[in-house]
Amino acid sequence: MQWVTRKGVRLDRTACAWLILRHLDPEAELQFREAAAMPQAIEAGALPFHNTVSEEPSSRERTSFQQLLAEYRLEESDEALALMGDIVRGAETKEPGSVEEGEGLRALAKGANALSHND
């Protein structure tokens, strides 16, 4: 299956790519495109990932990683993935009360971004 997201990968999109390849579709083809080119990829059948707006009006905004966990019901069967979702959320949102490990993940991601110049 083909999956598509915007270029300029950051923490949440990187976590999503890992989740897709590790737990959803080990043979996935990941595409990183300019935002304007994404509709064409979706029309061609690629599944978009990294959508930070929840479709559930009563729920708080979730990271895309958490959305994938929920959509594929992975958080229900794997406590480690559920915890990882909380860590990614903490790293992305800096919300009060977030798990402390989020700070470490944010620092690692900033370092990786500083070392990389492209996707």
N, C-alpha and C. Protein backbone atom coordinates (compact mmCIF):
# COMPACT_ATOMS: atom_id res chain seq x y z
N MET A 1 0.84 -1.18 0.00
CA MET A 1 0.00 0.00 0.00
C MET A 1 0.89 1.24 0.00
N GLN A 2 0.40 2.28 -0.63
CA GLN A 2 1.11 3.56 -0.62
C GLN A 2 0.49 4.47 0.43
N TRP A 3 1.35 5.18 1.15
CA TRP A 3 0.95 6.14 2.17
C TRP A 3 1.62 7.46 1.81
N VAL A 4 0.97 8.57 2.12
CA VAL A 4 1.52 9.87 1.74
C VAL A 4 1.40 10.87 2.89
N THR A 5 2.40 11.72 3.00
CA THR A 5 2.39 12.82 3.95
C THR A 5 3.18 13.98 3.35
N ARG A 6 3.16 15.11 4.05
CA ARG A 6 3.89 16.28 3.58
C ARG A 6 5.40 16.09 3.76
N LYS A 7 6.15 16.78 2.93
CA LYS A 7 7.60 16.85 3.09
C LYS A 7 7.92 17.61 4.38
N GLY A 8 9.16 17.50 4.78
CA GLY A 8 9.59 18.20 5.99
C GLY A 8 9.23 17.42 7.23
N VAL A 9 9.60 16.17 7.26
CA VAL A 9 9.21 15.28 8.34
C VAL A 9 9.69 15.79 9.69
N ARG A 10 8.81 15.74 10.64
CA ARG A 10 9.10 16.09 12.02
C ARG A 10 8.72 14.90 12.91
N LEU A 11 8.64 15.13 14.19
CA LEU A 11 8.45 14.06 15.17
C LEU A 11 7.22 13.20 14.93
N ASP A 12 6.04 13.80 14.87
CA ASP A 12 4.80 13.03 14.76
C ASP A 12 4.76 12.24 13.45
N ARG A 13 5.16 12.86 12.36
CA ARG A 13 5.16 12.15 11.07
C ARG A 13 6.18 11.01 11.07
N THR A 14 7.33 11.24 11.72
CA THR A 14 8.33 10.17 11.82
C THR A 14 7.78 9.01 12.63
N ALA A 15 7.13 9.31 13.73
CA ALA A 15 6.53 8.26 14.56
C ALA A 15 5.46 7.51 13.77
N CYS A 16 4.68 8.23 12.98
CA CYS A 16 3.65 7.58 12.15
C CYS A 16 4.28 6.64 11.13
N ALA A 17 5.34 7.11 10.48
CA ALA A 17 6.02 6.27 9.49
C ALA A 17 6.54 4.99 10.15
N TRP A 18 7.14 5.11 11.34
CA TRP A 18 7.61 3.94 12.08
C TRP A 18 6.46 3.00 12.39
N LEU A 19 5.34 3.56 12.88
CA LEU A 19 4.18 2.74 13.24
C LEU A 19 3.63 2.00 12.02
N ILE A 20 3.54 2.70 10.91
CA ILE A 20 3.02 2.08 9.68
C ILE A 20 3.91 0.91 9.27
N LEU A 21 5.22 1.16 9.19
CA LEU A 21 6.13 0.12 8.72
C LEU A 21 6.29 -1.02 9.72
N ARG A 22 6.19 -0.72 11.00
CA ARG A 22 6.44 -1.74 12.02
C ARG A 22 5.20 -2.53 12.40
N HIS A 23 4.01 -1.88 12.37
CA HIS A 23 2.82 -2.54 12.91
C HIS A 23 1.63 -2.61 11.96
N LEU A 24 1.60 -1.80 10.92
CA LEU A 24 0.43 -1.78 10.05
C LEU A 24 0.69 -2.38 8.68
N ASP A 25 1.78 -2.02 8.06
CA ASP A 25 2.04 -2.41 6.68
C ASP A 25 3.55 -2.48 6.44
N PRO A 26 4.19 -3.60 6.78
CA PRO A 26 5.65 -3.71 6.66
C PRO A 26 6.19 -3.47 5.25
N GLU A 27 5.35 -3.61 4.25
CA GLU A 27 5.80 -3.40 2.87
C GLU A 27 5.28 -2.09 2.30
N ALA A 28 4.90 -1.18 3.17
CA ALA A 28 4.34 0.11 2.75
C ALA A 28 5.36 0.90 1.94
N GLU A 29 4.83 1.67 1.01
CA GLU A 29 5.64 2.65 0.28
C GLU A 29 5.24 4.01 0.81
N LEU A 30 6.18 4.70 1.44
CA LEU A 30 5.90 6.01 2.02
C LEU A 30 6.33 7.10 1.06
N GLN A 31 5.43 8.05 0.82
CA GLN A 31 5.73 9.18 -0.05
C GLN A 31 5.73 10.46 0.78
N PHE A 32 6.72 11.32 0.53
CA PHE A 32 6.82 12.61 1.20
C PHE A 32 6.74 13.67 0.11
N ARG A 33 5.60 14.37 0.06
CA ARG A 33 5.32 15.28 -1.05
C ARG A 33 5.07 16.70 -0.58
N GLU A 34 5.20 17.60 -1.53
CA GLU A 34 4.78 18.98 -1.28
C GLU A 34 3.28 18.94 -0.99
N ALA A 35 2.81 19.85 -0.14
CA ALA A 35 1.40 19.87 0.25
C ALA A 35 0.48 19.94 -0.97
N ALA A 36 0.87 20.71 -1.97
CA ALA A 36 0.04 20.87 -3.17
C ALA A 36 -0.08 19.58 -3.98
N ALA A 37 0.88 18.68 -3.84
CA ALA A 37 0.87 17.43 -4.60
C ALA A 37 0.16 16.29 -3.88
N MET A 38 -0.19 16.50 -2.64
CA MET A 38 -0.84 15.43 -1.88
C MET A 38 -2.18 15.00 -2.44
N PRO A 39 -3.06 15.93 -2.86
CA PRO A 39 -4.35 15.48 -3.41
C PRO A 39 -4.20 14.52 -4.59
N GLN A 40 -3.21 14.73 -5.43
CA GLN A 40 -3.00 13.82 -6.56
C GLN A 40 -2.62 12.43 -6.08
N ALA A 41 -1.77 12.35 -5.09
CA ALA A 41 -1.36 11.05 -4.55
C ALA A 41 -2.55 10.34 -3.91
N ILE A 42 -3.39 11.09 -3.22
CA ILE A 42 -4.56 10.51 -2.58
C ILE A 42 -5.54 10.01 -3.64
N GLU A 43 -5.73 10.80 -4.70
CA GLU A 43 -6.60 10.37 -5.80
C GLU A 43 -6.08 9.10 -6.45
N ALA A 44 -4.77 8.93 -6.47
CA ALA A 44 -4.15 7.75 -7.06
C ALA A 44 -4.21 6.54 -6.11
N GLY A 45 -4.74 6.73 -4.90
CA GLY A 45 -4.93 5.61 -3.99
C GLY A 45 -4.05 5.58 -2.76
N ALA A 46 -3.17 6.56 -2.59
CA ALA A 46 -2.32 6.58 -1.40
C ALA A 46 -3.14 7.00 -0.18
N LEU A 47 -2.85 6.39 0.94
CA LEU A 47 -3.52 6.75 2.19
C LEU A 47 -2.75 7.89 2.85
N PRO A 48 -3.42 8.98 3.18
CA PRO A 48 -2.71 10.08 3.84
C PRO A 48 -2.50 9.76 5.32
N PHE A 49 -1.39 10.20 5.84
CA PHE A 49 -1.18 10.13 7.28
C PHE A 49 -0.61 11.46 7.74
N HIS A 50 -0.75 11.71 9.00
CA HIS A 50 -0.42 12.97 9.65
C HIS A 50 -1.53 13.99 9.44
N ASN A 51 -2.62 13.71 10.10
CA ASN A 51 -3.75 14.62 10.14
C ASN A 51 -4.00 14.95 11.60
N THR A 52 -3.70 16.16 12.02
CA THR A 52 -3.77 16.48 13.44
C THR A 52 -5.13 16.96 13.90
N VAL A 53 -6.11 16.98 13.04
CA VAL A 53 -7.44 17.42 13.45
C VAL A 53 -8.34 16.20 13.61
N SER A 54 -8.83 16.00 14.82
CA SER A 54 -9.69 14.86 15.09
C SER A 54 -11.05 15.08 14.46
N GLU A 55 -11.64 14.01 13.96
CA GLU A 55 -12.98 14.11 13.38
C GLU A 55 -14.06 13.99 14.44
N GLU A 56 -13.67 13.66 15.67
CA GLU A 56 -14.62 13.54 16.76
C GLU A 56 -14.70 14.88 17.48
N PRO A 57 -15.83 15.61 17.33
CA PRO A 57 -15.91 16.95 17.90
C PRO A 57 -15.76 16.98 19.42
N SER A 58 -16.12 15.92 20.11
CA SER A 58 -16.06 15.92 21.57
C SER A 58 -14.67 15.57 22.11
N SER A 59 -13.77 15.12 21.26
CA SER A 59 -12.45 14.71 21.75
C SER A 59 -11.44 15.85 21.61
N ARG A 60 -10.42 15.78 22.45
CA ARG A 60 -9.35 16.76 22.33
C ARG A 60 -8.49 16.40 21.12
N GLU A 61 -7.74 17.36 20.67
CA GLU A 61 -6.88 17.12 19.53
C GLU A 61 -5.86 16.05 19.88
N ARG A 62 -5.65 15.11 18.95
CA ARG A 62 -4.68 14.05 19.17
C ARG A 62 -3.57 14.19 18.15
N THR A 63 -2.45 13.56 18.45
CA THR A 63 -1.40 13.50 17.45
C THR A 63 -1.83 12.50 16.38
N SER A 64 -1.21 12.58 15.24
CA SER A 64 -1.51 11.62 14.18
C SER A 64 -1.15 10.21 14.61
N PHE A 65 -0.07 10.08 15.38
CA PHE A 65 0.33 8.77 15.91
C PHE A 65 -0.81 8.18 16.74
N GLN A 66 -1.40 8.99 17.61
CA GLN A 66 -2.52 8.52 18.43
C GLN A 66 -3.74 8.20 17.58
N GLN A 67 -3.96 8.96 16.53
CA GLN A 67 -5.08 8.68 15.64
C GLN A 67 -4.91 7.33 14.95
N LEU A 68 -3.69 7.05 14.48
CA LEU A 68 -3.44 5.75 13.85
C LEU A 68 -3.62 4.62 14.85
N LEU A 69 -3.13 4.81 16.08
CA LEU A 69 -3.32 3.79 17.11
C LEU A 69 -4.80 3.51 17.32
N ALA A 70 -5.59 4.57 17.42
CA ALA A 70 -7.02 4.41 17.66
C ALA A 70 -7.73 3.80 16.44
N GLU A 71 -7.41 4.30 15.27
CA GLU A 71 -8.08 3.82 14.06
C GLU A 71 -7.86 2.33 13.83
N TYR A 72 -6.66 1.87 14.11
CA TYR A 72 -6.34 0.46 13.90
C TYR A 72 -6.41 -0.35 15.19
N ARG A 73 -6.93 0.26 16.24
CA ARG A 73 -7.16 -0.37 17.53
C ARG A 73 -5.91 -1.02 18.12
N LEU A 74 -4.78 -0.40 17.90
CA LEU A 74 -3.53 -0.93 18.41
C LEU A 74 -3.34 -0.60 19.89
N GLU A 75 -3.87 0.54 20.32
CA GLU A 75 -3.70 0.93 21.73
C GLU A 75 -4.47 0.01 22.66
N GLU A 76 -5.52 -0.63 22.14
CA GLU A 76 -6.32 -1.54 22.95
C GLU A 76 -5.58 -2.85 23.24
N SER A 77 -4.73 -3.26 22.32
CA SER A 77 -4.07 -4.55 22.46
C SER A 77 -2.60 -4.48 22.84
N ASP A 78 -2.04 -3.28 22.88
CA ASP A 78 -0.62 -3.16 23.14
C ASP A 78 -0.36 -1.96 24.06
N GLU A 79 -0.12 -2.24 25.33
CA GLU A 79 0.09 -1.17 26.31
C GLU A 79 1.32 -0.34 25.98
N ALA A 80 2.35 -0.97 25.43
CA ALA A 80 3.58 -0.24 25.09
C ALA A 80 3.31 0.79 24.01
N LEU A 81 2.50 0.43 23.02
CA LEU A 81 2.16 1.39 21.96
C LEU A 81 1.29 2.52 22.51
N ALA A 82 0.39 2.19 23.44
CA ALA A 82 -0.43 3.24 24.06
C ALA A 82 0.46 4.23 24.82
N LEU A 83 1.44 3.70 25.55
CA LEU A 83 2.38 4.57 26.27
C LEU A 83 3.19 5.39 25.28
N MET A 84 3.62 4.77 24.19
CA MET A 84 4.37 5.50 23.18
C MET A 84 3.52 6.64 22.61
N GLY A 85 2.23 6.40 22.43
CA GLY A 85 1.33 7.46 21.98
C GLY A 85 1.32 8.63 22.95
N ASP A 86 1.30 8.33 24.25
CA ASP A 86 1.34 9.39 25.26
C ASP A 86 2.66 10.16 25.21
N ILE A 87 3.75 9.44 24.97
CA ILE A 87 5.07 10.07 24.91
C ILE A 87 5.16 10.98 23.68
N VAL A 88 4.68 10.50 22.53
CA VAL A 88 4.69 11.32 21.31
C VAL A 88 3.83 12.56 21.53
N ARG A 89 2.67 12.38 22.15
CA ARG A 89 1.80 13.53 22.43
C ARG A 89 2.50 14.54 23.33
N GLY A 90 3.17 14.05 24.37
CA GLY A 90 3.89 14.95 25.27
C GLY A 90 4.99 15.71 24.56
N ALA A 91 5.68 15.04 23.66
CA ALA A 91 6.76 15.68 22.91
C ALA A 91 6.22 16.71 21.92
N GLU A 92 5.08 16.43 21.35
CA GLU A 92 4.50 17.32 20.34
C GLU A 92 3.77 18.51 20.94
N THR A 93 3.06 18.31 22.03
CA THR A 93 2.14 19.34 22.50
C THR A 93 2.64 20.16 23.68
N LYS A 94 3.57 19.63 24.45
CA LYS A 94 4.09 20.31 25.65
C LYS A 94 2.97 20.63 26.64
N GLU A 95 1.92 19.84 26.66
CA GLU A 95 0.79 20.08 27.56
C GLU A 95 1.19 19.82 29.01
N PRO A 96 0.65 20.61 29.93
CA PRO A 96 0.88 20.32 31.34
C PRO A 96 0.34 18.93 31.67
N GLY A 97 1.07 18.20 32.49
CA GLY A 97 0.63 16.87 32.87
C GLY A 97 1.02 15.77 31.90
N SER A 98 1.72 16.13 30.83
CA SER A 98 2.17 15.11 29.87
C SER A 98 3.24 14.23 30.52
N VAL A 99 3.40 13.04 29.99
CA VAL A 99 4.42 12.14 30.53
C VAL A 99 5.80 12.76 30.34
N GLU A 100 6.65 12.57 31.33
CA GLU A 100 7.97 13.20 31.33
C GLU A 100 8.85 12.73 30.18
N GLU A 101 8.66 11.51 29.73
CA GLU A 101 9.49 10.97 28.65
C GLU A 101 9.33 11.77 27.36
N GLY A 102 8.25 12.50 27.24
CA GLY A 102 8.04 13.34 26.07
C GLY A 102 9.14 14.37 25.89
N GLU A 103 9.64 14.89 27.00
CA GLU A 103 10.74 15.87 26.93
C GLU A 103 11.98 15.26 26.30
N GLY A 104 12.30 14.04 26.69
CA GLY A 104 13.47 13.36 26.12
C GLY A 104 13.29 13.08 24.64
N LEU A 105 12.10 12.65 24.26
CA LEU A 105 11.84 12.39 22.84
C LEU A 105 11.93 13.68 22.03
N ARG A 106 11.40 14.77 22.59
CA ARG A 106 11.49 16.06 21.89
C ARG A 106 12.95 16.45 21.68
N ALA A 107 13.79 16.26 22.68
CA ALA A 107 15.22 16.60 22.56
C ALA A 107 15.89 15.73 21.49
N LEU A 108 15.60 14.45 21.48
CA LEU A 108 16.17 13.56 20.46
C LEU A 108 15.73 13.97 19.06
N ALA A 109 14.46 14.29 18.92
CA ALA A 109 13.94 14.68 17.61
C ALA A 109 14.56 15.98 17.12
N LYS A 110 14.75 16.93 18.01
CA LYS A 110 15.39 18.19 17.62
C LYS A 110 16.82 17.95 17.15
N GLY A 111 17.52 17.06 17.84
CA GLY A 111 18.88 16.72 17.43
C GLY A 111 18.92 16.05 16.07
N ALA A 112 17.99 15.12 15.85
CA ALA A 112 17.94 14.44 14.55
C ALA A 112 17.63 15.43 13.44
N ASN A 113 16.70 16.35 13.69
CA ASN A 113 16.36 17.36 12.69
C ASN A 113 17.56 18.26 12.37
N ALA A 114 18.34 18.57 13.40
CA ALA A 114 19.51 19.43 13.21
C ALA A 114 20.57 18.74 12.34
N LEU A 115 20.63 17.42 12.40
CA LEU A 115 21.62 16.66 11.64
C LEU A 115 21.16 16.35 10.21
N SER A 116 19.87 16.40 9.96
CA SER A 116 19.32 16.04 8.64
C SER A 116 18.94 17.27 7.85
N HIS A 117 19.18 17.20 6.57
CA HIS A 117 18.83 18.34 5.72
C HIS A 117 17.71 18.01 4.72
N ASN A 118 17.24 16.77 4.73
CA ASN A 118 16.10 16.40 3.90
C ASN A 118 15.43 15.17 4.48
N ASP A 119 14.30 14.81 3.92
CA ASP A 119 13.54 13.67 4.40
C ASP A 119 14.25 12.37 4.10
